[in-house]
Structures are given as structure tokens and as C-alpha cells.
Amino acid sequence: MIKFLLLKLHNISYRKYDIYAWYLSKIVLKCGKSLKVWGKVAIKNPKNLSIGSNVTLNDYVYINAQSPIIIGDNVSISAGAIIVSTGLDTKLFLKEKVHFSKSIEIGNNVQIGAGAIVLSGVRIADNVIIGAGSVVTKDIEEKSIVVGNPARLLKRLEE
């Protein structure tokens, strides 16, 4: 009986994330239906973030939308993933610390694995799986599974 009550209390504690998802849906540039948040997430510059329908953000996701970030439909971003539209300009590093900013586009039906990092200027096509811990520095073609640092094609997805 105690275990049952504790599990009910645990489930109720997740309601705060439903409220946070609703709040996020109101402050971002655009948000489709059924945004789910499963833990603490951090979003910088929400005015430049567009989120499609059926998107899931898990624990400790960090999104910095200094430049526009577009997330398509049916996207799951796993725990600890980072999506950052800014970077350090290494050509000017010795003279001054200058940052640049480029947009990011994430297509439909994309799974971003735990701890993966998506860097500025990247376009991820539809139907892509990004392996846990991968660092995406270049565009990813559709129907791909990519892994590693930097992320490289592991295999193509088949129908």
C-alpha cells in the first residue's frame, strides 16, 4: 500500500513538467501540439526557437537559440543533449574573443541521443538517429544513423 501511494506521489510530481511544457509553448516563437518535458531543461533565447508537434525534451537538455533553431515534428531530444547556435570565432581568438551565430534546423522524426551536441549552422534531415555522445558539426542526410565525435555515418535506415 505504501509503495502504491509513493508511486502515485511520484507520478503527481511530474505534473510540474506538464506546466513547464505549457509555459515553454507560450514563450517560444512557435510550438506545435503535444510538447512533453521530462525534467529540468534550459532554453536561452526562446524567441528564436520553433518547436514542431510531438516533441519531447528530457532531463538537462540545453538549447541556446541565439540564431533561429527549428525543431520539426516527432523529435525526441534525450537527457543531457546540447543544441547551440553560437560558437567561438577561432580566427580572431588571439586578438579578441568574438562569437558567431548560425541557425540550426532539425527535421521530422529525429532522435537525438543522450549527451549529444548539435553545433551551429547544422541541418539535420528527416528520419535521423544521432547516437549518444555524438558531436554534430556538419549537415546530416535523411535516413541516417550517425555516431561519434565528430558524428559520422554509421548506417542508412531502411524502410
N, C-alpha and C. Protein backbone atom coordinates (compact mmCIF):
# COMPACT_ATOMS: atom_id res chain seq x y z
N MET A 1 0.82 -1.20 0.00
CA MET A 1 0.00 0.00 0.00
C MET A 1 0.86 1.27 0.00
N ILE A 2 1.92 1.26 0.83
CA ILE A 2 2.81 2.42 0.92
C ILE A 2 3.49 2.64 -0.43
N LYS A 3 3.95 1.54 -1.02
CA LYS A 3 4.62 1.65 -2.32
C LYS A 3 3.67 2.24 -3.36
N PHE A 4 2.43 1.81 -3.36
CA PHE A 4 1.42 2.33 -4.29
C PHE A 4 1.25 3.83 -4.11
N LEU A 5 1.13 4.29 -2.87
CA LEU A 5 0.96 5.70 -2.59
C LEU A 5 2.18 6.51 -3.00
N LEU A 6 3.36 5.96 -2.73
CA LEU A 6 4.59 6.66 -3.11
C LEU A 6 4.71 6.78 -4.63
N LEU A 7 4.31 5.74 -5.35
CA LEU A 7 4.34 5.79 -6.81
C LEU A 7 3.34 6.81 -7.34
N LYS A 8 2.18 6.90 -6.72
CA LYS A 8 1.20 7.92 -7.10
C LYS A 8 1.77 9.32 -6.87
N LEU A 9 2.40 9.52 -5.74
CA LEU A 9 3.02 10.81 -5.43
C LEU A 9 4.12 11.13 -6.44
N HIS A 10 4.90 10.13 -6.80
CA HIS A 10 5.95 10.31 -7.80
C HIS A 10 5.36 10.77 -9.13
N ASN A 11 4.29 10.12 -9.55
CA ASN A 11 3.64 10.50 -10.82
C ASN A 11 3.06 11.91 -10.76
N ILE A 12 2.52 12.28 -9.63
CA ILE A 12 1.99 13.64 -9.47
C ILE A 12 3.11 14.66 -9.57
N SER A 13 4.30 14.32 -9.07
CA SER A 13 5.42 15.26 -9.11
C SER A 13 5.82 15.60 -10.54
N TYR A 14 5.52 14.74 -11.49
CA TYR A 14 5.83 15.02 -12.90
C TYR A 14 4.85 16.03 -13.52
N ARG A 15 3.75 16.33 -12.86
CA ARG A 15 2.79 17.32 -13.38
C ARG A 15 3.44 18.69 -13.55
N LYS A 16 4.42 19.00 -12.70
CA LYS A 16 5.09 20.30 -12.82
C LYS A 16 5.77 20.44 -14.18
N TYR A 17 6.21 19.33 -14.76
CA TYR A 17 6.84 19.39 -16.08
C TYR A 17 5.80 19.62 -17.18
N ASP A 18 4.58 19.16 -16.96
CA ASP A 18 3.50 19.49 -17.90
C ASP A 18 3.23 20.99 -17.88
N ILE A 19 3.27 21.58 -16.70
CA ILE A 19 3.07 23.02 -16.58
C ILE A 19 4.22 23.77 -17.24
N TYR A 20 5.45 23.28 -17.03
CA TYR A 20 6.61 23.91 -17.66
C TYR A 20 6.54 23.80 -19.18
N ALA A 21 6.09 22.66 -19.70
CA ALA A 21 5.94 22.48 -21.15
C ALA A 21 4.92 23.49 -21.69
N TRP A 22 3.83 23.67 -20.98
CA TRP A 22 2.84 24.66 -21.39
C TRP A 22 3.47 26.05 -21.42
N TYR A 23 4.20 26.40 -20.37
CA TYR A 23 4.89 27.69 -20.29
C TYR A 23 5.85 27.88 -21.47
N LEU A 24 6.67 26.86 -21.75
CA LEU A 24 7.60 26.94 -22.88
C LEU A 24 6.85 27.15 -24.19
N SER A 25 5.74 26.46 -24.35
CA SER A 25 4.97 26.57 -25.60
C SER A 25 4.48 27.99 -25.83
N LYS A 26 4.34 28.76 -24.76
CA LYS A 26 3.86 30.15 -24.87
C LYS A 26 4.98 31.16 -25.10
N ILE A 27 6.22 30.83 -24.72
CA ILE A 27 7.30 31.83 -24.84
C ILE A 27 8.20 31.61 -26.05
N VAL A 28 8.13 30.44 -26.68
CA VAL A 28 8.94 30.22 -27.88
C VAL A 28 8.27 30.88 -29.08
N LEU A 29 9.01 31.02 -30.17
CA LEU A 29 8.48 31.65 -31.37
C LEU A 29 7.26 30.91 -31.89
N LYS A 30 7.36 29.58 -31.93
CA LYS A 30 6.27 28.75 -32.45
C LYS A 30 6.35 27.39 -31.77
N CYS A 31 5.18 26.81 -31.48
CA CYS A 31 5.16 25.48 -30.87
C CYS A 31 3.93 24.72 -31.34
N GLY A 32 4.16 23.50 -31.82
CA GLY A 32 3.07 22.64 -32.24
C GLY A 32 2.39 21.99 -31.04
N LYS A 33 1.64 20.94 -31.30
CA LYS A 33 0.90 20.24 -30.26
C LYS A 33 1.78 19.21 -29.55
N SER A 34 1.43 18.92 -28.32
CA SER A 34 1.99 17.81 -27.54
C SER A 34 3.48 17.94 -27.23
N LEU A 35 3.91 19.10 -26.78
CA LEU A 35 5.27 19.24 -26.27
C LEU A 35 5.33 18.55 -24.91
N LYS A 36 6.31 17.65 -24.73
CA LYS A 36 6.49 16.96 -23.46
C LYS A 36 7.86 17.31 -22.90
N VAL A 37 7.89 17.61 -21.62
CA VAL A 37 9.14 17.88 -20.91
C VAL A 37 9.23 16.89 -19.76
N TRP A 38 10.35 16.15 -19.70
CA TRP A 38 10.53 15.11 -18.68
C TRP A 38 11.73 15.44 -17.80
N GLY A 39 11.73 16.62 -17.21
CA GLY A 39 12.80 17.00 -16.31
C GLY A 39 13.21 18.44 -16.55
N LYS A 40 14.27 18.84 -15.86
CA LYS A 40 14.74 20.21 -15.97
C LYS A 40 15.40 20.42 -17.33
N VAL A 41 15.01 21.46 -18.02
CA VAL A 41 15.63 21.84 -19.29
C VAL A 41 15.96 23.33 -19.23
N ALA A 42 16.94 23.75 -20.02
CA ALA A 42 17.31 25.16 -20.07
C ALA A 42 17.21 25.64 -21.51
N ILE A 43 16.48 26.73 -21.71
CA ILE A 43 16.32 27.30 -23.04
C ILE A 43 16.72 28.77 -22.98
N LYS A 44 17.76 29.12 -23.73
CA LYS A 44 18.17 30.51 -23.86
C LYS A 44 17.63 31.06 -25.17
N ASN A 45 17.18 32.29 -25.15
CA ASN A 45 16.65 32.97 -26.33
C ASN A 45 15.45 32.24 -26.94
N PRO A 46 14.42 31.97 -26.15
CA PRO A 46 13.26 31.22 -26.66
C PRO A 46 12.56 31.91 -27.82
N LYS A 47 12.75 33.23 -27.97
CA LYS A 47 12.08 33.96 -29.05
C LYS A 47 12.57 33.51 -30.43
N ASN A 48 13.70 32.78 -30.50
CA ASN A 48 14.25 32.29 -31.76
C ASN A 48 14.07 30.78 -31.94
N LEU A 49 13.26 30.17 -31.10
CA LEU A 49 13.09 28.71 -31.13
C LEU A 49 11.70 28.35 -31.65
N SER A 50 11.66 27.52 -32.69
CA SER A 50 10.41 26.98 -33.22
C SER A 50 10.39 25.48 -32.97
N ILE A 51 9.30 25.00 -32.37
CA ILE A 51 9.18 23.59 -32.00
C ILE A 51 7.96 23.01 -32.70
N GLY A 52 8.12 21.87 -33.35
CA GLY A 52 7.02 21.20 -34.03
C GLY A 52 6.12 20.45 -33.05
N SER A 53 5.29 19.58 -33.59
CA SER A 53 4.37 18.77 -32.78
C SER A 53 5.04 17.48 -32.32
N ASN A 54 4.58 16.97 -31.19
CA ASN A 54 5.06 15.70 -30.63
C ASN A 54 6.57 15.72 -30.38
N VAL A 55 7.03 16.78 -29.74
CA VAL A 55 8.45 16.92 -29.39
C VAL A 55 8.61 16.61 -27.91
N THR A 56 9.68 15.88 -27.59
CA THR A 56 9.99 15.52 -26.22
C THR A 56 11.37 16.05 -25.84
N LEU A 57 11.44 16.75 -24.71
CA LEU A 57 12.70 17.23 -24.16
C LEU A 57 12.92 16.52 -22.83
N ASN A 58 14.04 15.84 -22.70
CA ASN A 58 14.32 15.09 -21.48
C ASN A 58 15.25 15.84 -20.55
N ASP A 59 15.56 15.23 -19.40
CA ASP A 59 16.37 15.86 -18.36
C ASP A 59 17.61 16.53 -18.89
N TYR A 60 17.83 17.76 -18.43
CA TYR A 60 19.06 18.52 -18.66
C TYR A 60 19.37 18.83 -20.12
N VAL A 61 18.35 18.89 -20.95
CA VAL A 61 18.54 19.39 -22.32
C VAL A 61 18.84 20.88 -22.23
N TYR A 62 19.81 21.33 -23.04
CA TYR A 62 20.19 22.74 -23.09
C TYR A 62 20.09 23.21 -24.53
N ILE A 63 19.30 24.25 -24.76
CA ILE A 63 19.14 24.82 -26.10
C ILE A 63 19.44 26.31 -26.03
N ASN A 64 20.41 26.75 -26.84
CA ASN A 64 20.72 28.18 -26.94
C ASN A 64 20.40 28.61 -28.36
N ALA A 65 19.32 29.35 -28.52
CA ALA A 65 18.85 29.78 -29.84
C ALA A 65 19.22 31.24 -30.08
N GLN A 66 20.51 31.55 -30.02
CA GLN A 66 20.95 32.90 -30.34
C GLN A 66 20.53 33.24 -31.78
N SER A 67 20.75 32.29 -32.70
CA SER A 67 20.17 32.35 -34.05
C SER A 67 19.01 31.38 -34.07
N PRO A 68 18.14 31.47 -35.08
CA PRO A 68 16.97 30.60 -35.10
C PRO A 68 17.31 29.11 -35.05
N ILE A 69 16.54 28.39 -34.25
CA ILE A 69 16.59 26.93 -34.21
C ILE A 69 15.19 26.44 -34.51
N ILE A 70 15.09 25.56 -35.49
CA ILE A 70 13.81 24.98 -35.88
C ILE A 70 13.86 23.49 -35.60
N ILE A 71 12.93 23.02 -34.79
CA ILE A 71 12.81 21.61 -34.45
C ILE A 71 11.53 21.10 -35.09
N GLY A 72 11.63 20.05 -35.90
CA GLY A 72 10.48 19.51 -36.62
C GLY A 72 9.54 18.71 -35.73
N ASP A 73 8.66 17.95 -36.38
CA ASP A 73 7.68 17.11 -35.69
C ASP A 73 8.30 15.76 -35.30
N ASN A 74 7.76 15.17 -34.24
CA ASN A 74 8.15 13.83 -33.80
C ASN A 74 9.66 13.75 -33.51
N VAL A 75 10.14 14.70 -32.72
CA VAL A 75 11.55 14.76 -32.36
C VAL A 75 11.68 14.47 -30.88
N SER A 76 12.66 13.64 -30.53
CA SER A 76 12.97 13.37 -29.14
C SER A 76 14.41 13.77 -28.87
N ILE A 77 14.60 14.61 -27.88
CA ILE A 77 15.93 15.07 -27.51
C ILE A 77 16.22 14.48 -26.13
N SER A 78 17.19 13.58 -26.08
CA SER A 78 17.45 12.80 -24.87
C SER A 78 18.23 13.57 -23.82
N ALA A 79 18.33 12.97 -22.67
CA ALA A 79 18.94 13.60 -21.49
C ALA A 79 20.33 14.14 -21.77
N GLY A 80 20.54 15.38 -21.35
CA GLY A 80 21.86 15.99 -21.44
C GLY A 80 22.28 16.46 -22.81
N ALA A 81 21.41 16.39 -23.79
CA ALA A 81 21.76 16.84 -25.15
C ALA A 81 21.87 18.37 -25.16
N ILE A 82 22.75 18.86 -26.03
CA ILE A 82 23.00 20.30 -26.14
C ILE A 82 22.83 20.72 -27.59
N ILE A 83 22.08 21.79 -27.80
CA ILE A 83 21.89 22.36 -29.13
C ILE A 83 22.24 23.84 -29.02
N VAL A 84 23.32 24.24 -29.70
CA VAL A 84 23.85 25.59 -29.53
C VAL A 84 24.08 26.23 -30.88
N SER A 85 23.45 27.38 -31.10
CA SER A 85 23.58 28.08 -32.39
C SER A 85 24.71 29.11 -32.39
N THR A 86 25.54 29.11 -31.36
CA THR A 86 26.67 30.04 -31.30
C THR A 86 27.99 29.27 -31.21
N GLY A 87 29.06 29.96 -31.52
CA GLY A 87 30.39 29.36 -31.42
C GLY A 87 31.44 30.45 -31.35
N LEU A 88 32.66 30.05 -31.03
CA LEU A 88 33.77 30.98 -30.92
C LEU A 88 34.49 31.08 -32.26
N ASP A 89 34.73 32.29 -32.73
CA ASP A 89 35.47 32.52 -33.97
C ASP A 89 36.96 32.33 -33.69
N THR A 90 37.50 31.21 -34.09
CA THR A 90 38.90 30.89 -33.78
C THR A 90 39.89 31.76 -34.56
N LYS A 91 39.47 32.35 -35.67
CA LYS A 91 40.37 33.20 -36.45
C LYS A 91 40.73 34.48 -35.69
N LEU A 92 39.83 34.92 -34.85
CA LEU A 92 40.05 36.16 -34.11
C LEU A 92 40.42 35.91 -32.65
N PHE A 93 40.62 34.68 -32.27
CA PHE A 93 40.80 34.32 -30.86
C PHE A 93 41.97 35.06 -30.20
N LEU A 94 43.10 35.18 -30.88
CA LEU A 94 44.26 35.81 -30.28
C LEU A 94 44.10 37.31 -30.09
N LYS A 95 43.26 37.93 -30.92
CA LYS A 95 43.04 39.38 -30.83
C LYS A 95 41.89 39.71 -29.89
N GLU A 96 40.78 39.02 -30.08
CA GLU A 96 39.60 39.26 -29.26
C GLU A 96 38.70 38.02 -29.30
N LYS A 97 37.93 37.88 -28.27
CA LYS A 97 37.03 36.72 -28.19
C LYS A 97 35.69 37.09 -28.84
N VAL A 98 35.55 36.69 -30.11
CA VAL A 98 34.36 37.02 -30.88
C VAL A 98 33.56 35.75 -31.12
N HIS A 99 32.27 35.85 -30.90
CA HIS A 99 31.38 34.72 -31.16
C HIS A 99 30.61 34.95 -32.46
N PHE A 100 30.24 33.86 -33.10
CA PHE A 100 29.38 33.91 -34.27
C PHE A 100 28.12 33.12 -33.95
N SER A 101 27.12 33.26 -34.79
CA SER A 101 25.86 32.58 -34.57
C SER A 101 25.27 32.18 -35.91
N LYS A 102 24.88 30.91 -36.03
CA LYS A 102 24.25 30.40 -37.26
C LYS A 102 23.06 29.53 -36.87
N SER A 103 22.04 29.56 -37.71
CA SER A 103 20.81 28.81 -37.41
C SER A 103 21.03 27.30 -37.49
N ILE A 104 20.12 26.58 -36.84
CA ILE A 104 20.11 25.11 -36.83
C ILE A 104 18.72 24.66 -37.23
N GLU A 105 18.68 23.62 -38.07
CA GLU A 105 17.39 23.04 -38.45
C GLU A 105 17.41 21.55 -38.18
N ILE A 106 16.42 21.08 -37.44
CA ILE A 106 16.26 19.66 -37.13
C ILE A 106 14.97 19.20 -37.77
N GLY A 107 15.05 18.21 -38.64
CA GLY A 107 13.90 17.74 -39.41
C GLY A 107 12.90 16.96 -38.57
N ASN A 108 12.02 16.26 -39.26
CA ASN A 108 10.97 15.44 -38.63
C ASN A 108 11.50 14.04 -38.33
N ASN A 109 10.95 13.44 -37.28
CA ASN A 109 11.26 12.06 -36.92
C ASN A 109 12.76 11.90 -36.64
N VAL A 110 13.24 12.69 -35.72
CA VAL A 110 14.66 12.69 -35.35
C VAL A 110 14.80 12.32 -33.88
N GLN A 111 15.77 11.46 -33.59
CA GLN A 111 16.11 11.08 -32.22
C GLN A 111 17.53 11.57 -31.95
N ILE A 112 17.68 12.46 -30.97
CA ILE A 112 19.00 12.95 -30.58
C ILE A 112 19.35 12.26 -29.27
N GLY A 113 20.41 11.47 -29.29
CA GLY A 113 20.79 10.64 -28.15
C GLY A 113 21.30 11.42 -26.95
N ALA A 114 21.37 10.75 -25.84
CA ALA A 114 21.81 11.35 -24.58
C ALA A 114 23.21 11.92 -24.72
N GLY A 115 23.37 13.16 -24.26
CA GLY A 115 24.67 13.80 -24.26
C GLY A 115 25.18 14.23 -25.61
N ALA A 116 24.38 14.12 -26.64
CA ALA A 116 24.81 14.55 -27.98
C ALA A 116 24.87 16.07 -28.02
N ILE A 117 25.71 16.59 -28.91
CA ILE A 117 25.86 18.03 -29.08
C ILE A 117 25.63 18.37 -30.55
N VAL A 118 24.75 19.33 -30.81
CA VAL A 118 24.48 19.81 -32.16
C VAL A 118 24.99 21.25 -32.22
N LEU A 119 25.96 21.50 -33.10
CA LEU A 119 26.59 22.80 -33.18
C LEU A 119 25.98 23.70 -34.24
N SER A 120 26.34 24.96 -34.21
CA SER A 120 25.73 25.98 -35.07
C SER A 120 25.90 25.69 -36.55
N GLY A 121 24.90 26.13 -37.31
CA GLY A 121 24.94 26.02 -38.76
C GLY A 121 24.59 24.66 -39.32
N VAL A 122 24.14 23.74 -38.48
CA VAL A 122 23.89 22.36 -38.90
C VAL A 122 22.43 22.20 -39.34
N ARG A 123 22.23 21.37 -40.37
CA ARG A 123 20.89 20.96 -40.80
C ARG A 123 20.81 19.45 -40.68
N ILE A 124 19.86 18.96 -39.90
CA ILE A 124 19.64 17.53 -39.73
C ILE A 124 18.36 17.21 -40.49
N ALA A 125 18.46 16.34 -41.48
CA ALA A 125 17.31 15.99 -42.32
C ALA A 125 16.32 15.10 -41.55
N ASP A 126 15.26 14.68 -42.22
CA ASP A 126 14.23 13.82 -41.63
C ASP A 126 14.76 12.40 -41.41
N ASN A 127 14.15 11.73 -40.42
CA ASN A 127 14.41 10.31 -40.17
C ASN A 127 15.88 10.04 -39.85
N VAL A 128 16.36 10.67 -38.80
CA VAL A 128 17.76 10.56 -38.41
C VAL A 128 17.85 10.16 -36.94
N ILE A 129 18.82 9.30 -36.64
CA ILE A 129 19.16 8.95 -35.27
C ILE A 129 20.58 9.44 -35.03
N ILE A 130 20.75 10.23 -33.98
CA ILE A 130 22.07 10.70 -33.59
C ILE A 130 22.44 9.96 -32.31
N GLY A 131 23.52 9.21 -32.37
CA GLY A 131 23.93 8.38 -31.24
C GLY A 131 24.30 9.19 -30.01
N ALA A 132 24.20 8.55 -28.86
CA ALA A 132 24.54 9.18 -27.60
C ALA A 132 25.98 9.67 -27.62
N GLY A 133 26.20 10.87 -27.13
CA GLY A 133 27.53 11.43 -27.04
C GLY A 133 28.12 11.94 -28.34
N SER A 134 27.38 11.89 -29.41
CA SER A 134 27.88 12.33 -30.71
C SER A 134 27.95 13.86 -30.76
N VAL A 135 28.88 14.36 -31.58
CA VAL A 135 29.02 15.80 -31.77
C VAL A 135 28.75 16.08 -33.25
N VAL A 136 27.64 16.74 -33.53
CA VAL A 136 27.22 17.01 -34.90
C VAL A 136 27.78 18.36 -35.32
N THR A 137 28.73 18.32 -36.28
CA THR A 137 29.39 19.53 -36.75
C THR A 137 29.04 19.86 -38.19
N LYS A 138 28.42 18.91 -38.90
CA LYS A 138 28.07 19.09 -40.31
C LYS A 138 26.66 18.58 -40.55
N ASP A 139 26.09 18.96 -41.69
CA ASP A 139 24.74 18.52 -42.06
C ASP A 139 24.65 17.00 -42.10
N ILE A 140 23.46 16.48 -41.73
CA ILE A 140 23.19 15.04 -41.73
C ILE A 140 22.10 14.76 -42.75
N GLU A 141 22.36 13.80 -43.63
CA GLU A 141 21.39 13.42 -44.66
C GLU A 141 20.27 12.59 -44.06
N GLU A 142 19.13 12.54 -44.78
CA GLU A 142 17.97 11.80 -44.30
C GLU A 142 18.25 10.30 -44.21
N LYS A 143 17.45 9.64 -43.36
CA LYS A 143 17.52 8.19 -43.15
C LYS A 143 18.92 7.73 -42.79
N SER A 144 19.51 8.41 -41.80
CA SER A 144 20.87 8.10 -41.38
C SER A 144 20.93 7.83 -39.88
N ILE A 145 21.88 7.00 -39.50
CA ILE A 145 22.28 6.86 -38.12
C ILE A 145 23.72 7.36 -38.06
N VAL A 146 23.96 8.38 -37.23
CA VAL A 146 25.30 8.93 -37.10
C VAL A 146 25.77 8.79 -35.65
N VAL A 147 27.08 8.57 -35.49
CA VAL A 147 27.67 8.41 -34.16
C VAL A 147 29.07 9.01 -34.16
N GLY A 148 29.55 9.32 -32.98
CA GLY A 148 30.94 9.69 -32.81
C GLY A 148 31.20 11.18 -32.69
N ASN A 149 32.49 11.50 -32.55
CA ASN A 149 32.96 12.87 -32.42
C ASN A 149 34.15 13.07 -33.36
N PRO A 150 33.93 13.74 -34.49
CA PRO A 150 32.66 14.29 -34.98
C PRO A 150 31.73 13.18 -35.48
N ALA A 151 30.44 13.47 -35.52
CA ALA A 151 29.46 12.48 -35.94
C ALA A 151 29.71 12.05 -37.38
N ARG A 152 29.70 10.74 -37.58
CA ARG A 152 29.89 10.16 -38.92
C ARG A 152 28.81 9.12 -39.16
N LEU A 153 28.54 8.89 -40.44
CA LEU A 153 27.52 7.93 -40.82
C LEU A 153 27.88 6.53 -40.34
N LEU A 154 26.99 5.91 -39.58
CA LEU A 154 27.16 4.52 -39.16
C LEU A 154 26.47 3.61 -40.17
N LYS A 155 25.21 3.96 -40.49
CA LYS A 155 24.48 3.20 -41.50
C LYS A 155 23.24 3.97 -41.93
N ARG A 156 22.66 3.54 -43.02
CA ARG A 156 21.41 4.10 -43.54
C ARG A 156 20.23 3.35 -42.96
N LEU A 157 19.15 4.07 -42.70
CA LEU A 157 17.92 3.44 -42.26
C LEU A 157 17.16 2.94 -43.48
N GLU A 158 16.59 1.75 -43.34
CA GLU A 158 15.83 1.15 -44.44
C GLU A 158 14.37 1.09 -44.05
N GLU A 159 13.50 1.12 -45.06
CA GLU A 159 12.04 1.05 -44.84
C GLU A 159 11.68 -0.31 -44.29
